[in-house]
């Protein structure tokens, strides 16, 4: 479980940028405001 979470969180911002065309700043903002 921990391995999956570490890998997912590490590249989540990159995934949002490459998959949905979101900027890095917006992706990190959404992760911080919504997920945390």
ModelCIF file with pLDDT and N, C-alpha, C, O atoms, coordinates in Angstrom:
data_MODEL
#
_entry.id   MODEL 
#
_entity.id                         1 
_entity.type                       polymer 
_entity.pdbx_number_of_molecules   1 
#
_entity_poly.entity_id                      1 
_entity_poly.type                           'polypeptide(L)' 
_entity_poly.nstd_linkage                   no 
_entity_poly.nstd_monomer                   no 
_entity_poly.pdbx_seq_one_letter_code       
;(UNK)(UNK)(UNK)(UNK)(UNK)(UNK)(UNK)(UNK)(UNK)(UNK)(UNK)(UNK)(UNK)(UNK)(UNK)(UNK)
(UNK)(UNK)(UNK)(UNK)(UNK)(UNK)(UNK)(UNK)(UNK)(UNK)(UNK)(UNK)(UNK)(UNK)(UNK)(UNK)
(UNK)(UNK)(UNK)(UNK)
;
_entity_poly.pdbx_seq_one_letter_code_can   XXXXXXXXXXXXXXXXXXXXXXXXXXXXXXXXXXXX 
_entity_poly.pdbx_strand_id                 A 
#
loop_
_entity_poly_seq.entity_id 
_entity_poly_seq.num 
_entity_poly_seq.mon_id 
_entity_poly_seq.hetero 
1 1  UNK n 
1 2  UNK n 
1 3  UNK n 
1 4  UNK n 
1 5  UNK n 
1 6  UNK n 
1 7  UNK n 
1 8  UNK n 
1 9  UNK n 
1 10 UNK n 
1 11 UNK n 
1 12 UNK n 
1 13 UNK n 
1 14 UNK n 
1 15 UNK n 
1 16 UNK n 
1 17 UNK n 
1 18 UNK n 
1 19 UNK n 
1 20 UNK n 
1 21 UNK n 
1 22 UNK n 
1 23 UNK n 
1 24 UNK n 
1 25 UNK n 
1 26 UNK n 
1 27 UNK n 
1 28 UNK n 
1 29 UNK n 
1 30 UNK n 
1 31 UNK n 
1 32 UNK n 
1 33 UNK n 
1 34 UNK n 
1 35 UNK n 
1 36 UNK n 
#
_struct_asym.id          A 
_struct_asym.entity_id   1 
#
loop_
_ma_qa_metric.id 
_ma_qa_metric.mode 
_ma_qa_metric.name 
_ma_qa_metric.software_group_id 
_ma_qa_metric.type 
1 global pLDDT . pLDDT 
2 local  pLDDT . pLDDT 
#
_ma_qa_metric_global.metric_id      1 
_ma_qa_metric_global.metric_value   87.94 
_ma_qa_metric_global.model_id       1 
_ma_qa_metric_global.ordinal_id     1 
#
loop_
_ma_qa_metric_local.label_asym_id 
_ma_qa_metric_local.label_comp_id 
_ma_qa_metric_local.label_seq_id 
_ma_qa_metric_local.metric_id 
_ma_qa_metric_local.metric_value 
_ma_qa_metric_local.model_id 
_ma_qa_metric_local.ordinal_id 
A UNK 1  2 93.00 1 1  
A UNK 2  2 92.00 1 2  
A UNK 3  2 94.00 1 3  
A UNK 4  2 95.00 1 4  
A UNK 5  2 92.00 1 5  
A UNK 6  2 92.00 1 6  
A UNK 7  2 93.00 1 7  
A UNK 8  2 93.00 1 8  
A UNK 9  2 90.00 1 9  
A UNK 10 2 90.00 1 10 
A UNK 11 2 92.00 1 11 
A UNK 12 2 91.00 1 12 
A UNK 13 2 88.00 1 13 
A UNK 14 2 90.00 1 14 
A UNK 15 2 93.00 1 15 
A UNK 16 2 92.00 1 16 
A UNK 17 2 89.00 1 17 
A UNK 18 2 89.00 1 18 
A UNK 19 2 91.00 1 19 
A UNK 20 2 92.00 1 20 
A UNK 21 2 87.00 1 21 
A UNK 22 2 88.00 1 22 
A UNK 23 2 84.00 1 23 
A UNK 24 2 81.00 1 24 
A UNK 25 2 82.00 1 25 
A UNK 26 2 86.00 1 26 
A UNK 27 2 85.00 1 27 
A UNK 28 2 82.00 1 28 
A UNK 29 2 85.00 1 29 
A UNK 30 2 85.00 1 30 
A UNK 31 2 83.00 1 31 
A UNK 32 2 81.00 1 32 
A UNK 33 2 84.00 1 33 
A UNK 34 2 83.00 1 34 
A UNK 35 2 80.00 1 35 
A UNK 36 2 79.00 1 36 
#
loop_
_atom_site.group_PDB 
_atom_site.id 
_atom_site.type_symbol 
_atom_site.label_atom_id 
_atom_site.label_alt_id 
_atom_site.label_comp_id 
_atom_site.label_asym_id 
_atom_site.label_entity_id 
_atom_site.label_seq_id 
_atom_site.pdbx_PDB_ins_code 
_atom_site.Cartn_x 
_atom_site.Cartn_y 
_atom_site.Cartn_z 
_atom_site.occupancy 
_atom_site.B_iso_or_equiv 
_atom_site.pdbx_formal_charge 
_atom_site.auth_seq_id 
_atom_site.auth_comp_id 
_atom_site.auth_asym_id 
_atom_site.auth_atom_id 
_atom_site.pdbx_PDB_model_num 
ATOM 1   N N  . UNK A 1 1  ? 0.823  -1.206 0.000   1.00 93.00 ? 1  UNK A N  1 
ATOM 2   C CA . UNK A 1 1  ? 0.000  0.000  0.000   1.00 93.00 ? 1  UNK A CA 1 
ATOM 3   C C  . UNK A 1 1  ? 0.858  1.258  0.000   1.00 93.00 ? 1  UNK A C  1 
ATOM 4   O O  . UNK A 1 1  ? 0.580  2.206  -0.734  1.00 93.00 ? 1  UNK A O  1 
ATOM 5   N N  . UNK A 1 2  ? 1.894  1.264  0.819   1.00 92.00 ? 2  UNK A N  1 
ATOM 6   C CA . UNK A 1 2  ? 2.761  2.440  0.915   1.00 92.00 ? 2  UNK A CA 1 
ATOM 7   C C  . UNK A 1 2  ? 3.493  2.695  -0.399  1.00 92.00 ? 2  UNK A C  1 
ATOM 8   O O  . UNK A 1 2  ? 3.652  3.844  -0.809  1.00 92.00 ? 2  UNK A O  1 
ATOM 9   N N  . UNK A 1 3  ? 3.937  1.627  -1.060  1.00 94.00 ? 3  UNK A N  1 
ATOM 10  C CA . UNK A 1 3  ? 4.630  1.782  -2.345  1.00 94.00 ? 3  UNK A CA 1 
ATOM 11  C C  . UNK A 1 3  ? 3.712  2.399  -3.388  1.00 94.00 ? 3  UNK A C  1 
ATOM 12  O O  . UNK A 1 3  ? 4.130  3.265  -4.157  1.00 94.00 ? 3  UNK A O  1 
ATOM 13  N N  . UNK A 1 4  ? 2.466  1.956  -3.416  1.00 95.00 ? 4  UNK A N  1 
ATOM 14  C CA . UNK A 1 4  ? 1.519  2.505  -4.390  1.00 95.00 ? 4  UNK A CA 1 
ATOM 15  C C  . UNK A 1 4  ? 1.239  3.973  -4.119  1.00 95.00 ? 4  UNK A C  1 
ATOM 16  O O  . UNK A 1 4  ? 1.139  4.769  -5.053  1.00 95.00 ? 4  UNK A O  1 
ATOM 17  N N  . UNK A 1 5  ? 1.113  4.338  -2.848  1.00 92.00 ? 5  UNK A N  1 
ATOM 18  C CA . UNK A 1 5  ? 0.833  5.734  -2.504  1.00 92.00 ? 5  UNK A CA 1 
ATOM 19  C C  . UNK A 1 5  ? 2.021  6.627  -2.835  1.00 92.00 ? 5  UNK A C  1 
ATOM 20  O O  . UNK A 1 5  ? 1.844  7.715  -3.383  1.00 92.00 ? 5  UNK A O  1 
ATOM 21  N N  . UNK A 1 6  ? 3.231  6.177  -2.508  1.00 92.00 ? 6  UNK A N  1 
ATOM 22  C CA . UNK A 1 6  ? 4.424  6.983  -2.798  1.00 92.00 ? 6  UNK A CA 1 
ATOM 23  C C  . UNK A 1 6  ? 4.569  7.219  -4.292  1.00 92.00 ? 6  UNK A C  1 
ATOM 24  O O  . UNK A 1 6  ? 4.805  8.348  -4.721  1.00 92.00 ? 6  UNK A O  1 
ATOM 25  N N  . UNK A 1 7  ? 4.430  6.153  -5.097  1.00 93.00 ? 7  UNK A N  1 
ATOM 26  C CA . UNK A 1 7  ? 4.540  6.306  -6.549  1.00 93.00 ? 7  UNK A CA 1 
ATOM 27  C C  . UNK A 1 7  ? 3.451  7.181  -7.118  1.00 93.00 ? 7  UNK A C  1 
ATOM 28  O O  . UNK A 1 7  ? 3.708  7.998  -8.003  1.00 93.00 ? 7  UNK A O  1 
ATOM 29  N N  . UNK A 1 8  ? 2.211  7.019  -6.613  1.00 93.00 ? 8  UNK A N  1 
ATOM 30  C CA . UNK A 1 8  ? 1.090  7.813  -7.123  1.00 93.00 ? 8  UNK A CA 1 
ATOM 31  C C  . UNK A 1 8  ? 1.252  9.287  -6.793  1.00 93.00 ? 8  UNK A C  1 
ATOM 32  O O  . UNK A 1 8  ? 1.054  10.140 -7.658  1.00 93.00 ? 8  UNK A O  1 
ATOM 33  N N  . UNK A 1 9  ? 1.610  9.597  -5.552  1.00 90.00 ? 9  UNK A N  1 
ATOM 34  C CA . UNK A 1 9  ? 1.735  10.993 -5.131  1.00 90.00 ? 9  UNK A CA 1 
ATOM 35  C C  . UNK A 1 9  ? 2.918  11.678 -5.824  1.00 90.00 ? 9  UNK A C  1 
ATOM 36  O O  . UNK A 1 9  ? 2.828  12.847 -6.201  1.00 90.00 ? 9  UNK A O  1 
ATOM 37  N N  . UNK A 1 10 ? 4.022  10.949 -5.990  1.00 90.00 ? 10 UNK A N  1 
ATOM 38  C CA . UNK A 1 10 ? 5.216  11.537 -6.605  1.00 90.00 ? 10 UNK A CA 1 
ATOM 39  C C  . UNK A 1 10 ? 4.943  12.035 -8.020  1.00 90.00 ? 10 UNK A C  1 
ATOM 40  O O  . UNK A 1 10 ? 5.433  13.094 -8.411  1.00 90.00 ? 10 UNK A O  1 
ATOM 41  N N  . UNK A 1 11 ? 4.165  11.278 -8.785  1.00 92.00 ? 11 UNK A N  1 
ATOM 42  C CA . UNK A 1 11 ? 3.948  11.627 -10.191 1.00 92.00 ? 11 UNK A CA 1 
ATOM 43  C C  . UNK A 1 11 ? 2.516  12.064 -10.490 1.00 92.00 ? 11 UNK A C  1 
ATOM 44  O O  . UNK A 1 11 ? 2.116  12.111 -11.654 1.00 92.00 ? 11 UNK A O  1 
ATOM 45  N N  . UNK A 1 12 ? 1.740  12.385 -9.451  1.00 91.00 ? 12 UNK A N  1 
ATOM 46  C CA . UNK A 1 12 ? 0.365  12.826 -9.684  1.00 91.00 ? 12 UNK A CA 1 
ATOM 47  C C  . UNK A 1 12 ? 0.320  14.165 -10.408 1.00 91.00 ? 12 UNK A C  1 
ATOM 48  O O  . UNK A 1 12 ? -0.448 14.336 -11.355 1.00 91.00 ? 12 UNK A O  1 
ATOM 49  N N  . UNK A 1 13 ? 1.140  15.115 -9.968  1.00 88.00 ? 13 UNK A N  1 
ATOM 50  C CA . UNK A 1 13 ? 1.168  16.427 -10.624 1.00 88.00 ? 13 UNK A CA 1 
ATOM 51  C C  . UNK A 1 13 ? 1.576  16.300 -12.088 1.00 88.00 ? 13 UNK A C  1 
ATOM 52  O O  . UNK A 1 13 ? 1.001  16.954 -12.958 1.00 88.00 ? 13 UNK A O  1 
ATOM 53  N N  . UNK A 1 14 ? 2.565  15.462 -12.353 1.00 90.00 ? 14 UNK A N  1 
ATOM 54  C CA . UNK A 1 14 ? 3.021  15.223 -13.720 1.00 90.00 ? 14 UNK A CA 1 
ATOM 55  C C  . UNK A 1 14 ? 1.921  14.562 -14.547 1.00 90.00 ? 14 UNK A C  1 
ATOM 56  O O  . UNK A 1 14 ? 1.764  14.860 -15.731 1.00 90.00 ? 14 UNK A O  1 
ATOM 57  N N  . UNK A 1 15 ? 1.160  13.661 -13.918 1.00 93.00 ? 15 UNK A N  1 
ATOM 58  C CA . UNK A 1 15 ? 0.063  12.985 -14.613 1.00 93.00 ? 15 UNK A CA 1 
ATOM 59  C C  . UNK A 1 15 ? -1.019 13.980 -15.025 1.00 93.00 ? 15 UNK A C  1 
ATOM 60  O O  . UNK A 1 15 ? -1.523 13.912 -16.146 1.00 93.00 ? 15 UNK A O  1 
ATOM 61  N N  . UNK A 1 16 ? -1.377 14.892 -14.143 1.00 92.00 ? 16 UNK A N  1 
ATOM 62  C CA . UNK A 1 16 ? -2.393 15.899 -14.468 1.00 92.00 ? 16 UNK A CA 1 
ATOM 63  C C  . UNK A 1 16 ? -1.919 16.803 -15.599 1.00 92.00 ? 16 UNK A C  1 
ATOM 64  O O  . UNK A 1 16 ? -2.715 17.216 -16.442 1.00 92.00 ? 16 UNK A O  1 
ATOM 65  N N  . UNK A 1 17 ? -0.648 17.105 -15.617 1.00 89.00 ? 17 UNK A N  1 
ATOM 66  C CA . UNK A 1 17 ? -0.093 17.977 -16.649 1.00 89.00 ? 17 UNK A CA 1 
ATOM 67  C C  . UNK A 1 17 ? -0.081 17.290 -18.013 1.00 89.00 ? 17 UNK A C  1 
ATOM 68  O O  . UNK A 1 17 ? -0.479 17.885 -19.014 1.00 89.00 ? 17 UNK A O  1 
ATOM 69  N N  . UNK A 1 18 ? 0.370  16.052 -18.052 1.00 89.00 ? 18 UNK A N  1 
ATOM 70  C CA . UNK A 1 18 ? 0.503  15.352 -19.324 1.00 89.00 ? 18 UNK A CA 1 
ATOM 71  C C  . UNK A 1 18 ? -0.814 14.780 -19.835 1.00 89.00 ? 18 UNK A C  1 
ATOM 72  O O  . UNK A 1 18 ? -1.042 14.735 -21.044 1.00 89.00 ? 18 UNK A O  1 
ATOM 73  N N  . UNK A 1 19 ? -1.681 14.342 -18.927 1.00 91.00 ? 19 UNK A N  1 
ATOM 74  C CA . UNK A 1 19 ? -2.913 13.696 -19.342 1.00 91.00 ? 19 UNK A CA 1 
ATOM 75  C C  . UNK A 1 19 ? -4.002 14.702 -19.681 1.00 91.00 ? 19 UNK A C  1 
ATOM 76  O O  . UNK A 1 19 ? -4.739 14.516 -20.650 1.00 91.00 ? 19 UNK A O  1 
ATOM 77  N N  . UNK A 1 20 ? -4.112 15.773 -18.885 1.00 92.00 ? 20 UNK A N  1 
ATOM 78  C CA . UNK A 1 20 ? -5.219 16.718 -19.052 1.00 92.00 ? 20 UNK A CA 1 
ATOM 79  C C  . UNK A 1 20 ? -4.774 18.118 -19.476 1.00 92.00 ? 20 UNK A C  1 
ATOM 80  O O  . UNK A 1 20 ? -5.601 19.024 -19.581 1.00 92.00 ? 20 UNK A O  1 
ATOM 81  N N  . UNK A 1 21 ? -3.480 18.302 -19.719 1.00 87.00 ? 21 UNK A N  1 
ATOM 82  C CA . UNK A 1 21 ? -3.001 19.597 -20.191 1.00 87.00 ? 21 UNK A CA 1 
ATOM 83  C C  . UNK A 1 21 ? -3.032 20.683 -19.136 1.00 87.00 ? 21 UNK A C  1 
ATOM 84  O O  . UNK A 1 21 ? -3.054 21.864 -19.479 1.00 87.00 ? 21 UNK A O  1 
ATOM 85  N N  . UNK A 1 22 ? -3.036 20.318 -17.850 1.00 88.00 ? 22 UNK A N  1 
ATOM 86  C CA . UNK A 1 22 ? -3.029 21.314 -16.784 1.00 88.00 ? 22 UNK A CA 1 
ATOM 87  C C  . UNK A 1 22 ? -1.606 21.801 -16.528 1.00 88.00 ? 22 UNK A C  1 
ATOM 88  O O  . UNK A 1 22 ? -0.649 21.041 -16.676 1.00 88.00 ? 22 UNK A O  1 
ATOM 89  N N  . UNK A 1 23 ? -1.471 23.059 -16.149 1.00 84.00 ? 23 UNK A N  1 
ATOM 90  C CA . UNK A 1 23 ? -0.151 23.581 -15.806 1.00 84.00 ? 23 UNK A CA 1 
ATOM 91  C C  . UNK A 1 23 ? 0.314  22.989 -14.481 1.00 84.00 ? 23 UNK A C  1 
ATOM 92  O O  . UNK A 1 23 ? -0.504 22.545 -13.677 1.00 84.00 ? 23 UNK A O  1 
ATOM 93  N N  . UNK A 1 24 ? 1.623  22.980 -14.253 1.00 81.00 ? 24 UNK A N  1 
ATOM 94  C CA . UNK A 1 24 ? 2.155  22.423 -13.006 1.00 81.00 ? 24 UNK A CA 1 
ATOM 95  C C  . UNK A 1 24 ? 1.650  23.191 -11.796 1.00 81.00 ? 24 UNK A C  1 
ATOM 96  O O  . UNK A 1 24 ? 1.333  22.598 -10.765 1.00 81.00 ? 24 UNK A O  1 
ATOM 97  N N  . UNK A 1 25 ? 1.577  24.512 -11.925 1.00 82.00 ? 25 UNK A N  1 
ATOM 98  C CA . UNK A 1 25 ? 1.115  25.333 -10.797 1.00 82.00 ? 25 UNK A CA 1 
ATOM 99  C C  . UNK A 1 25 ? -0.338 25.023 -10.451 1.00 82.00 ? 25 UNK A C  1 
ATOM 100 O O  . UNK A 1 25 ? -0.691 24.912 -9.277  1.00 82.00 ? 25 UNK A O  1 
ATOM 101 N N  . UNK A 1 26 ? -1.177 24.883 -11.473 1.00 86.00 ? 26 UNK A N  1 
ATOM 102 C CA . UNK A 1 26 ? -2.589 24.578 -11.216 1.00 86.00 ? 26 UNK A CA 1 
ATOM 103 C C  . UNK A 1 26 ? -2.752 23.174 -10.645 1.00 86.00 ? 26 UNK A C  1 
ATOM 104 O O  . UNK A 1 26 ? -3.567 22.955 -9.749  1.00 86.00 ? 26 UNK A O  1 
ATOM 105 N N  . UNK A 1 27 ? -1.980 22.226 -11.163 1.00 85.00 ? 27 UNK A N  1 
ATOM 106 C CA . UNK A 1 27 ? -2.064 20.856 -10.667 1.00 85.00 ? 27 UNK A CA 1 
ATOM 107 C C  . UNK A 1 27 ? -1.678 20.787 -9.191  1.00 85.00 ? 27 UNK A C  1 
ATOM 108 O O  . UNK A 1 27 ? -2.368 20.152 -8.393  1.00 85.00 ? 27 UNK A O  1 
ATOM 109 N N  . UNK A 1 28 ? -0.565 21.448 -8.831  1.00 82.00 ? 28 UNK A N  1 
ATOM 110 C CA . UNK A 1 28 ? -0.140 21.446 -7.432  1.00 82.00 ? 28 UNK A CA 1 
ATOM 111 C C  . UNK A 1 28 ? -1.131 22.185 -6.539  1.00 82.00 ? 28 UNK A C  1 
ATOM 112 O O  . UNK A 1 28 ? -1.361 21.789 -5.397  1.00 82.00 ? 28 UNK A O  1 
ATOM 113 N N  . UNK A 1 29 ? -1.707 23.246 -7.057  1.00 85.00 ? 29 UNK A N  1 
ATOM 114 C CA . UNK A 1 29 ? -2.703 23.999 -6.288  1.00 85.00 ? 29 UNK A CA 1 
ATOM 115 C C  . UNK A 1 29 ? -3.925 23.138 -5.992  1.00 85.00 ? 29 UNK A C  1 
ATOM 116 O O  . UNK A 1 29 ? -4.428 23.134 -4.869  1.00 85.00 ? 29 UNK A O  1 
ATOM 117 N N  . UNK A 1 30 ? -4.400 22.409 -6.997  1.00 85.00 ? 30 UNK A N  1 
ATOM 118 C CA . UNK A 1 30 ? -5.576 21.560 -6.810  1.00 85.00 ? 30 UNK A CA 1 
ATOM 119 C C  . UNK A 1 30 ? -5.293 20.427 -5.833  1.00 85.00 ? 30 UNK A C  1 
ATOM 120 O O  . UNK A 1 30 ? -6.134 20.087 -5.001  1.00 85.00 ? 30 UNK A O  1 
ATOM 121 N N  . UNK A 1 31 ? -4.103 19.847 -5.942  1.00 83.00 ? 31 UNK A N  1 
ATOM 122 C CA . UNK A 1 31 ? -3.736 18.767 -5.032  1.00 83.00 ? 31 UNK A CA 1 
ATOM 123 C C  . UNK A 1 31 ? -3.700 19.272 -3.590  1.00 83.00 ? 31 UNK A C  1 
ATOM 124 O O  . UNK A 1 31 ? -4.184 18.608 -2.673  1.00 83.00 ? 31 UNK A O  1 
ATOM 125 N N  . UNK A 1 32 ? -3.115 20.467 -3.406  1.00 81.00 ? 32 UNK A N  1 
ATOM 126 C CA . UNK A 1 32 ? -3.008 21.017 -2.061  1.00 81.00 ? 32 UNK A CA 1 
ATOM 127 C C  . UNK A 1 32 ? -4.335 21.444 -1.474  1.00 81.00 ? 32 UNK A C  1 
ATOM 128 O O  . UNK A 1 32 ? -4.590 21.226 -0.290  1.00 81.00 ? 32 UNK A O  1 
ATOM 129 N N  . UNK A 1 33 ? -5.191 22.057 -2.295  1.00 84.00 ? 33 UNK A N  1 
ATOM 130 C CA . UNK A 1 33 ? -6.454 22.602 -1.802  1.00 84.00 ? 33 UNK A CA 1 
ATOM 131 C C  . UNK A 1 33 ? -7.511 21.526 -1.617  1.00 84.00 ? 33 UNK A C  1 
ATOM 132 O O  . UNK A 1 33 ? -8.316 21.602 -0.688  1.00 84.00 ? 33 UNK A O  1 
ATOM 133 N N  . UNK A 1 34 ? -7.519 20.526 -2.488  1.00 83.00 ? 34 UNK A N  1 
ATOM 134 C CA . UNK A 1 34 ? -8.587 19.521 -2.459  1.00 83.00 ? 34 UNK A CA 1 
ATOM 135 C C  . UNK A 1 34 ? -8.154 18.241 -1.760  1.00 83.00 ? 34 UNK A C  1 
ATOM 136 O O  . UNK A 1 34 ? -8.835 17.780 -0.845  1.00 83.00 ? 34 UNK A O  1 
ATOM 137 N N  . UNK A 1 35 ? -7.041 17.665 -2.172  1.00 80.00 ? 35 UNK A N  1 
ATOM 138 C CA . UNK A 1 35 ? -6.658 16.335 -1.692  1.00 80.00 ? 35 UNK A CA 1 
ATOM 139 C C  . UNK A 1 35 ? -6.195 16.339 -0.235  1.00 80.00 ? 35 UNK A C  1 
ATOM 140 O O  . UNK A 1 35 ? -6.636 15.503 0.553   1.00 80.00 ? 35 UNK A O  1 
ATOM 141 N N  . UNK A 1 36 ? -5.313 17.266 0.131   1.00 79.00 ? 36 UNK A N  1 
ATOM 142 C CA . UNK A 1 36 ? -4.739 17.243 1.470   1.00 79.00 ? 36 UNK A CA 1 
ATOM 143 C C  . UNK A 1 36 ? -5.776 17.440 2.579   1.00 79.00 ? 36 UNK A C  1 
ATOM 144 O O  . UNK A 1 36 ? -5.426 17.442 3.759   1.00 79.00 ? 36 UNK A O  1 
#
